[in-house]
Amino acid sequence: MRGFFKSFFAALLALIIFTVIAVIILVGVVGGLLSPSKPDIDGKAVLMVDLGQTYKEQTQDNPFPIWDPTSSTTYPVFTISSG
């Protein structure tokens, strides 16, 4: 009888873990489908660049920007030119 309960609870745990993973994947897929798409840009659109801002050629990603008060948002030139 002990073996039965062991197998039963193992299968129940596997079912719960599978359900949690499936819900996480489903939320990710639905979130990806509902995210806004790129805006349509007309042929006569003009790009306005703020020259008062710093544009670096390469940036170093900071994994903890919340804890670093000296960090600021910089936009690499490649990101700006590639759209």
PDB file of N, CA and C in Angstrom:
ATOM      1  N   MET A   1       0.822  -1.183   0.000  1.00  0.00           N
ATOM      2  CA  MET A   1       0.000   0.000   0.000  1.00  0.00           C
ATOM      3  C   MET A   1       0.876   1.261   0.000  1.00  0.00           C
ATOM      4  N   ARG A   2       2.038   1.145   0.644  1.00  0.00           N
ATOM      5  CA  ARG A   2       2.936   2.291   0.711  1.00  0.00           C
ATOM      6  C   ARG A   2       3.454   2.659  -0.675  1.00  0.00           C
ATOM      7  N   GLY A   3       3.731   1.669  -1.496  1.00  0.00           N
ATOM      8  CA  GLY A   3       4.194   1.900  -2.859  1.00  0.00           C
ATOM      9  C   GLY A   3       3.137   2.615  -3.700  1.00  0.00           C
ATOM     10  N   PHE A   4       1.875   2.283  -3.456  1.00  0.00           N
ATOM     11  CA  PHE A   4       0.785   2.935  -4.188  1.00  0.00           C
ATOM     12  C   PHE A   4       0.752   4.429  -3.880  1.00  0.00           C
ATOM     13  N   PHE A   5       0.799   4.784  -2.599  1.00  0.00           N
ATOM     14  CA  PHE A   5       0.765   6.193  -2.232  1.00  0.00           C
ATOM     15  C   PHE A   5       1.998   6.943  -2.752  1.00  0.00           C
ATOM     16  N   LYS A   6       3.137   6.271  -2.743  1.00  0.00           N
ATOM     17  CA  LYS A   6       4.351   6.890  -3.245  1.00  0.00           C
ATOM     18  C   LYS A   6       4.202   7.202  -4.743  1.00  0.00           C
ATOM     19  N   SER A   7       3.701   6.250  -5.490  1.00  0.00           N
ATOM     20  CA  SER A   7       3.486   6.462  -6.924  1.00  0.00           C
ATOM     21  C   SER A   7       2.402   7.502  -7.171  1.00  0.00           C
ATOM     22  N   PHE A   8       1.350   7.466  -6.395  1.00  0.00           N
ATOM     23  CA  PHE A   8       0.244   8.409  -6.563  1.00  0.00           C
ATOM     24  C   PHE A   8       0.708   9.839  -6.316  1.00  0.00           C
ATOM     25  N   PHE A   9       1.425  10.091  -5.251  1.00  0.00           N
ATOM     26  CA  PHE A   9       1.877  11.448  -4.943  1.00  0.00           C
ATOM     27  C   PHE A   9       2.976  11.905  -5.909  1.00  0.00           C
ATOM     28  N   ALA A  10       3.769  10.974  -6.416  1.00  0.00           N
ATOM     29  CA  ALA A  10       4.763  11.338  -7.425  1.00  0.00           C
ATOM     30  C   ALA A  10       4.074  11.788  -8.707  1.00  0.00           C
ATOM     31  N   ALA A  11       3.036  11.076  -9.111  1.00  0.00           N
ATOM     32  CA  ALA A  11       2.289  11.457 -10.311  1.00  0.00           C
ATOM     33  C   ALA A  11       1.551  12.772 -10.090  1.00  0.00           C
ATOM     34  N   LEU A  12       1.012  12.977  -8.892  1.00  0.00           N
ATOM     35  CA  LEU A  12       0.319  14.223  -8.577  1.00  0.00           C
ATOM     36  C   LEU A  12       1.276  15.409  -8.599  1.00  0.00           C
ATOM     37  N   LEU A  13       2.467  15.237  -8.052  1.00  0.00           N
ATOM     38  CA  LEU A  13       3.471  16.293  -8.075  1.00  0.00           C
ATOM     39  C   LEU A  13       3.899  16.608  -9.512  1.00  0.00           C
ATOM     40  N   ALA A  14       4.069  15.579 -10.333  1.00  0.00           N
ATOM     41  CA  ALA A  14       4.431  15.787 -11.738  1.00  0.00           C
ATOM     42  C   ALA A  14       3.332  16.553 -12.469  1.00  0.00           C
ATOM     43  N   LEU A  15       2.099  16.246 -12.183  1.00  0.00           N
ATOM     44  CA  LEU A  15       0.967  16.945 -12.799  1.00  0.00           C
ATOM     45  C   LEU A  15       0.939  18.414 -12.390  1.00  0.00           C
ATOM     46  N   ILE A  16       1.195  18.690 -11.137  1.00  0.00           N
ATOM     47  CA  ILE A  16       1.202  20.075 -10.654  1.00  0.00           C
ATOM     48  C   ILE A  16       2.341  20.857 -11.293  1.00  0.00           C
ATOM     49  N   ILE A  17       3.522  20.260 -11.349  1.00  0.00           N
ATOM     50  CA  ILE A  17       4.673  20.940 -11.957  1.00  0.00           C
ATOM     51  C   ILE A  17       4.414  21.189 -13.440  1.00  0.00           C
ATOM     52  N   PHE A  18       3.866  20.207 -14.144  1.00  0.00           N
ATOM     53  CA  PHE A  18       3.553  20.380 -15.555  1.00  0.00           C
ATOM     54  C   PHE A  18       2.532  21.496 -15.756  1.00  0.00           C
ATOM     55  N   THR A  19       1.532  21.576 -14.905  1.00  0.00           N
ATOM     56  CA  THR A  19       0.514  22.620 -15.017  1.00  0.00           C
ATOM     57  C   THR A  19       1.116  24.003 -14.796  1.00  0.00           C
ATOM     58  N   VAL A  20       1.987  24.130 -13.821  1.00  0.00           N
ATOM     59  CA  VAL A  20       2.629  25.425 -13.560  1.00  0.00           C
ATOM     60  C   VAL A  20       3.486  25.850 -14.755  1.00  0.00           C
ATOM     61  N   ILE A  21       4.260  24.934 -15.303  1.00  0.00           N
ATOM     62  CA  ILE A  21       5.090  25.259 -16.460  1.00  0.00           C
ATOM     63  C   ILE A  21       4.228  25.615 -17.667  1.00  0.00           C
ATOM     64  N   ALA A  22       3.135  24.886 -17.882  1.00  0.00           N
ATOM     65  CA  ALA A  22       2.246  25.166 -19.006  1.00  0.00           C
ATOM     66  C   ALA A  22       1.602  26.540 -18.867  1.00  0.00           C
ATOM     67  N   VAL A  23       1.224  26.932 -17.655  1.00  0.00           N
ATOM     68  CA  VAL A  23       0.624  28.246 -17.437  1.00  0.00           C
ATOM     69  C   VAL A  23       1.648  29.347 -17.707  1.00  0.00           C
ATOM     70  N   ILE A  24       2.876  29.154 -17.269  1.00  0.00           N
ATOM     71  CA  ILE A  24       3.918  30.149 -17.518  1.00  0.00           C
ATOM     72  C   ILE A  24       4.158  30.313 -19.016  1.00  0.00           C
ATOM     73  N   ILE A  25       4.231  29.215 -19.747  1.00  0.00           N
ATOM     74  CA  ILE A  25       4.424  29.286 -21.193  1.00  0.00           C
ATOM     75  C   ILE A  25       3.223  29.949 -21.862  1.00  0.00           C
ATOM     76  N   LEU A  26       2.026  29.615 -21.439  1.00  0.00           N
ATOM     77  CA  LEU A  26       0.816  30.204 -22.010  1.00  0.00           C
ATOM     78  C   LEU A  26       0.765  31.708 -21.772  1.00  0.00           C
ATOM     79  N   VAL A  27       1.128  32.148 -20.585  1.00  0.00           N
ATOM     80  CA  VAL A  27       1.156  33.580 -20.292  1.00  0.00           C
ATOM     81  C   VAL A  27       2.193  34.278 -21.166  1.00  0.00           C
ATOM     82  N   GLY A  28       3.336  33.658 -21.376  1.00  0.00           N
ATOM     83  CA  GLY A  28       4.360  34.235 -22.239  1.00  0.00           C
ATOM     84  C   GLY A  28       3.909  34.360 -23.682  1.00  0.00           C
ATOM     85  N   VAL A  29       3.240  33.350 -24.187  1.00  0.00           N
ATOM     86  CA  VAL A  29       2.757  33.384 -25.571  1.00  0.00           C
ATOM     87  C   VAL A  29       1.674  34.441 -25.736  1.00  0.00           C
ATOM     88  N   VAL A  30       0.723  34.486 -24.819  1.00  0.00           N
ATOM     89  CA  VAL A  30      -0.345  35.478 -24.900  1.00  0.00           C
ATOM     90  C   VAL A  30       0.226  36.883 -24.740  1.00  0.00           C
ATOM     91  N   GLY A  31       1.175  37.064 -23.846  1.00  0.00           N
ATOM     92  CA  GLY A  31       1.816  38.370 -23.678  1.00  0.00           C
ATOM     93  C   GLY A  31       2.558  38.801 -24.927  1.00  0.00           C
ATOM     94  N   GLY A  32       3.195  37.861 -25.604  1.00  0.00           N
ATOM     95  CA  GLY A  32       3.888  38.175 -26.848  1.00  0.00           C
ATOM     96  C   GLY A  32       2.931  38.552 -27.961  1.00  0.00           C
ATOM     97  N   LEU A  33       1.773  37.903 -28.001  1.00  0.00           N
ATOM     98  CA  LEU A  33       0.793  38.220 -29.033  1.00  0.00           C
ATOM     99  C   LEU A  33       0.113  39.562 -28.785  1.00  0.00           C
ATOM    100  N   LEU A  34      -0.023  39.938 -27.535  1.00  0.00           N
ATOM    101  CA  LEU A  34      -0.713  41.182 -27.206  1.00  0.00           C
ATOM    102  C   LEU A  34       0.213  42.389 -27.151  1.00  0.00           C
ATOM    103  N   SER A  35       1.523  42.166 -27.285  1.00  0.00           N
ATOM    104  CA  SER A  35       2.448  43.296 -27.226  1.00  0.00           C
ATOM    105  C   SER A  35       2.270  44.167 -28.470  1.00  0.00           C
ATOM    106  N   PRO A  36       2.455  45.470 -28.300  1.00  0.00           N
ATOM    107  CA  PRO A  36       2.247  46.357 -29.438  1.00  0.00           C
ATOM    108  C   PRO A  36       3.288  46.128 -30.523  1.00  0.00           C
ATOM    109  N   SER A  37       2.867  46.236 -31.759  1.00  0.00           N
ATOM    110  CA  SER A  37       3.786  46.050 -32.871  1.00  0.00           C
ATOM    111  C   SER A  37       4.525  47.351 -33.166  1.00  0.00           C
ATOM    112  N   LYS A  38       5.464  47.290 -34.083  1.00  0.00           N
ATOM    113  CA  LYS A  38       6.216  48.483 -34.444  1.00  0.00           C
ATOM    114  C   LYS A  38       5.274  49.494 -35.106  1.00  0.00           C
ATOM    115  N   PRO A  39       5.496  50.758 -34.845  1.00  0.00           N
ATOM    116  CA  PRO A  39       4.620  51.771 -35.455  1.00  0.00           C
ATOM    117  C   PRO A  39       4.899  51.897 -36.953  1.00  0.00           C
ATOM    118  N   ASP A  40       3.858  52.226 -37.701  1.00  0.00           N
ATOM    119  CA  ASP A  40       4.014  52.472 -39.129  1.00  0.00           C
ATOM    120  C   ASP A  40       4.578  53.867 -39.326  1.00  0.00           C
ATOM    121  N   ILE A  41       5.653  53.948 -40.095  1.00  0.00           N
ATOM    122  CA  ILE A  41       6.304  55.231 -40.332  1.00  0.00           C
ATOM    123  C   ILE A  41       6.038  55.641 -41.765  1.00  0.00           C
ATOM    124  N   ASP A  42       5.519  56.820 -41.933  1.00  0.00           N
ATOM    125  CA  ASP A  42       5.193  57.347 -43.250  1.00  0.00           C
ATOM    126  C   ASP A  42       6.472  57.639 -44.025  1.00  0.00           C
ATOM    127  N   GLY A  43       6.381  57.708 -45.340  1.00  0.00           N
ATOM    128  CA  GLY A  43       7.540  57.963 -46.186  1.00  0.00           C
ATOM    129  C   GLY A  43       8.128  59.350 -46.003  1.00  0.00           C
ATOM    130  N   LYS A  44       7.349  60.290 -45.509  1.00  0.00           N
ATOM    131  CA  LYS A  44       7.835  61.661 -45.328  1.00  0.00           C
ATOM    132  C   LYS A  44       8.186  61.948 -43.870  1.00  0.00           C
ATOM    133  N   ALA A  45       8.429  60.925 -43.098  1.00  0.00           N
ATOM    134  CA  ALA A  45       8.763  61.100 -41.690  1.00  0.00           C
ATOM    135  C   ALA A  45      10.175  61.667 -41.541  1.00  0.00           C
ATOM    136  N   VAL A  46      10.382  62.440 -40.487  1.00  0.00           N
ATOM    137  CA  VAL A  46      11.675  63.062 -40.224  1.00  0.00           C
ATOM    138  C   VAL A  46      12.184  62.564 -38.874  1.00  0.00           C
ATOM    139  N   LEU A  47      13.457  62.167 -38.846  1.00  0.00           N
ATOM    140  CA  LEU A  47      14.075  61.713 -37.611  1.00  0.00           C
ATOM    141  C   LEU A  47      14.647  62.915 -36.876  1.00  0.00           C
ATOM    142  N   MET A  48      14.226  63.088 -35.625  1.00  0.00           N
ATOM    143  CA  MET A  48      14.735  64.189 -34.811  1.00  0.00           C
ATOM    144  C   MET A  48      15.657  63.594 -33.758  1.00  0.00           C
ATOM    145  N   VAL A  49      16.919  64.044 -33.733  1.00  0.00           N
ATOM    146  CA  VAL A  49      17.923  63.548 -32.800  1.00  0.00           C
ATOM    147  C   VAL A  49      18.273  64.670 -31.835  1.00  0.00           C
ATOM    148  N   ASP A  50      18.171  64.382 -30.538  1.00  0.00           N
ATOM    149  CA  ASP A  50      18.530  65.351 -29.511  1.00  0.00           C
ATOM    150  C   ASP A  50      20.045  65.312 -29.322  1.00  0.00           C
ATOM    151  N   LEU A  51      20.732  66.344 -29.778  1.00  0.00           N
ATOM    152  CA  LEU A  51      22.191  66.366 -29.700  1.00  0.00           C
ATOM    153  C   LEU A  51      22.697  66.706 -28.305  1.00  0.00           C
ATOM    154  N   GLY A  52      21.808  67.034 -27.391  1.00  0.00           N
ATOM    155  CA  GLY A  52      22.203  67.287 -26.018  1.00  0.00           C
ATOM    156  C   GLY A  52      22.373  66.001 -25.228  1.00  0.00           C
ATOM    157  N   GLN A  53      22.036  64.878 -25.836  1.00  0.00           N
ATOM    158  CA  GLN A  53      22.128  63.583 -25.173  1.00  0.00           C
ATOM    159  C   GLN A  53      23.390  62.867 -25.633  1.00  0.00           C
ATOM    160  N   THR A  54      23.926  61.985 -24.783  1.00  0.00           N
ATOM    161  CA  THR A  54      25.139  61.243 -25.104  1.00  0.00           C
ATOM    162  C   THR A  54      24.787  59.998 -25.905  1.00  0.00           C
ATOM    163  N   TYR A  55      25.451  59.823 -27.034  1.00  0.00           N
ATOM    164  CA  TYR A  55      25.283  58.631 -27.862  1.00  0.00           C
ATOM    165  C   TYR A  55      26.629  57.933 -27.957  1.00  0.00           C
ATOM    166  N   LYS A  56      26.736  56.784 -27.317  1.00  0.00           N
ATOM    167  CA  LYS A  56      27.994  56.035 -27.309  1.00  0.00           C
ATOM    168  C   LYS A  56      27.959  54.976 -28.401  1.00  0.00           C
ATOM    169  N   GLU A  57      29.128  54.642 -28.900  1.00  0.00           N
ATOM    170  CA  GLU A  57      29.210  53.626 -29.942  1.00  0.00           C
ATOM    171  C   GLU A  57      28.940  52.239 -29.363  1.00  0.00           C
ATOM    172  N   GLN A  58      29.464  51.952 -28.174  1.00  0.00           N
ATOM    173  CA  GLN A  58      29.223  50.676 -27.522  1.00  0.00           C
ATOM    174  C   GLN A  58      28.854  50.949 -26.071  1.00  0.00           C
ATOM    175  N   THR A  59      27.952  50.141 -25.552  1.00  0.00           N
ATOM    176  CA  THR A  59      27.564  50.279 -24.154  1.00  0.00           C
ATOM    177  C   THR A  59      27.873  48.991 -23.417  1.00  0.00           C
ATOM    178  N   GLN A  60      28.039  49.111 -22.130  1.00  0.00           N
ATOM    179  CA  GLN A  60      28.242  47.953 -21.274  1.00  0.00           C
ATOM    180  C   GLN A  60      26.972  47.793 -20.459  1.00  0.00           C
ATOM    181  N   ASP A  61      26.338  46.631 -20.572  1.00  0.00           N
ATOM    182  CA  ASP A  61      25.093  46.390 -19.863  1.00  0.00           C
ATOM    183  C   ASP A  61      25.339  46.301 -18.366  1.00  0.00           C
ATOM    184  N   ASN A  62      24.512  47.019 -17.615  1.00  0.00           N
ATOM    185  CA  ASN A  62      24.589  46.989 -16.157  1.00  0.00           C
ATOM    186  C   ASN A  62      23.467  46.090 -15.660  1.00  0.00           C
ATOM    187  N   PRO A  63      23.788  44.951 -15.042  1.00  0.00           N
ATOM    188  CA  PRO A  63      22.733  44.043 -14.604  1.00  0.00           C
ATOM    189  C   PRO A  63      21.948  44.580 -13.400  1.00  0.00           C
ATOM    190  N   PHE A  64      22.469  45.587 -12.712  1.00  0.00           N
ATOM    191  CA  PHE A  64      21.807  46.127 -11.542  1.00  0.00           C
ATOM    192  C   PHE A  64      21.652  47.647 -11.654  1.00  0.00           C
ATOM    193  N   PRO A  65      20.879  48.152 -12.610  1.00  0.00           N
ATOM    194  CA  PRO A  65      20.786  49.604 -12.778  1.00  0.00           C
ATOM    195  C   PRO A  65      20.046  50.299 -11.640  1.00  0.00           C
ATOM    196  N   ILE A  66      19.232  49.566 -10.900  1.00  0.00           N
ATOM    197  CA  ILE A  66      18.467  50.175  -9.809  1.00  0.00           C
ATOM    198  C   ILE A  66      19.405  50.592  -8.675  1.00  0.00           C
ATOM    199  N   TRP A  67      20.453  49.793  -8.445  1.00  0.00           N
ATOM    200  CA  TRP A  67      21.359  50.062  -7.332  1.00  0.00           C
ATOM    201  C   TRP A  67      22.504  50.995  -7.703  1.00  0.00           C
ATOM    202  N   ASP A  68      22.582  51.398  -8.956  1.00  0.00           N
ATOM    203  CA  ASP A  68      23.666  52.271  -9.394  1.00  0.00           C
ATOM    204  C   ASP A  68      23.093  53.650  -9.728  1.00  0.00           C
ATOM    205  N   PRO A  69      23.209  54.623  -8.821  1.00  0.00           N
ATOM    206  CA  PRO A  69      22.593  55.938  -9.073  1.00  0.00           C
ATOM    207  C   PRO A  69      23.291  56.722 -10.170  1.00  0.00           C
ATOM    208  N   THR A  70      24.516  56.317 -10.550  1.00  0.00           N
ATOM    209  CA  THR A  70      25.238  57.064 -11.583  1.00  0.00           C
ATOM    210  C   THR A  70      24.897  56.582 -12.985  1.00  0.00           C
ATOM    211  N   SER A  71      24.135  55.489 -13.091  1.00  0.00           N
ATOM    212  CA  SER A  71      23.832  54.977 -14.420  1.00  0.00           C
ATOM    213  C   SER A  71      22.774  55.856 -15.080  1.00  0.00           C
ATOM    214  N   SER A  72      22.920  56.017 -16.368  1.00  0.00           N
ATOM    215  CA  SER A  72      21.944  56.776 -17.136  1.00  0.00           C
ATOM    216  C   SER A  72      21.648  56.009 -18.408  1.00  0.00           C
ATOM    217  N   THR A  73      20.561  56.350 -19.026  1.00  0.00           N
ATOM    218  CA  THR A  73      20.178  55.673 -20.246  1.00  0.00           C
ATOM    219  C   THR A  73      20.981  56.237 -21.408  1.00  0.00           C
ATOM    220  N   THR A  74      21.708  55.383 -22.081  1.00  0.00           N
ATOM    221  CA  THR A  74      22.433  55.800 -23.276  1.00  0.00           C
ATOM    222  C   THR A  74      21.952  54.950 -24.432  1.00  0.00           C
ATOM    223  N   TYR A  75      21.975  55.514 -25.610  1.00  0.00           N
ATOM    224  CA  TYR A  75      21.521  54.818 -26.795  1.00  0.00           C
ATOM    225  C   TYR A  75      22.689  54.654 -27.752  1.00  0.00           C
ATOM    226  N   PRO A  76      23.082  53.412 -28.050  1.00  0.00           N
ATOM    227  CA  PRO A  76      24.194  53.222 -28.971  1.00  0.00           C
ATOM    228  C   PRO A  76      23.811  53.682 -30.377  1.00  0.00           C
ATOM    229  N   VAL A  77      24.807  54.108 -31.133  1.00  0.00           N
ATOM    230  CA  VAL A  77      24.567  54.635 -32.475  1.00  0.00           C
ATOM    231  C   VAL A  77      23.955  53.561 -33.360  1.00  0.00           C
ATOM    232  N   PHE A  78      24.394  52.302 -33.225  1.00  0.00           N
ATOM    233  CA  PHE A  78      23.852  51.228 -34.055  1.00  0.00           C
ATOM    234  C   PHE A  78      22.366  51.055 -33.817  1.00  0.00           C
ATOM    235  N   THR A  79      21.912  51.152 -32.568  1.00  0.00           N
ATOM    236  CA  THR A  79      20.498  50.995 -32.251  1.00  0.00           C
ATOM    237  C   THR A  79      19.686  52.115 -32.880  1.00  0.00           C
ATOM    238  N   ILE A  80      20.218  53.306 -32.865  1.00  0.00           N
ATOM    239  CA  ILE A  80      19.497  54.432 -33.433  1.00  0.00           C
ATOM    240  C   ILE A  80      19.415  54.315 -34.950  1.00  0.00           C
ATOM    241  N   SER A  81      20.504  53.917 -35.583  1.00  0.00           N
ATOM    242  CA  SER A  81      20.520  53.859 -37.044  1.00  0.00           C
ATOM    243  C   SER A  81      19.765  52.660 -37.588  1.00  0.00           C
ATOM    244  N   SER A  82      19.657  51.561 -36.816  1.00  0.00           N
ATOM    245  CA  SER A  82      18.979  50.381 -37.330  1.00  0.00           C
ATOM    246  C   SER A  82      17.476  50.447 -37.115  1.00  0.00           C
ATOM    247  N   GLY A  83      17.004  51.386 -36.339  1.00  0.00           N
ATOM    248  CA  GLY A  83      15.565  51.587 -36.174  1.00  0.00           C
ATOM    249  C   GLY A  83      15.038  50.699 -35.134  1.00  0.00           C
TER     250      GLY A  83
END
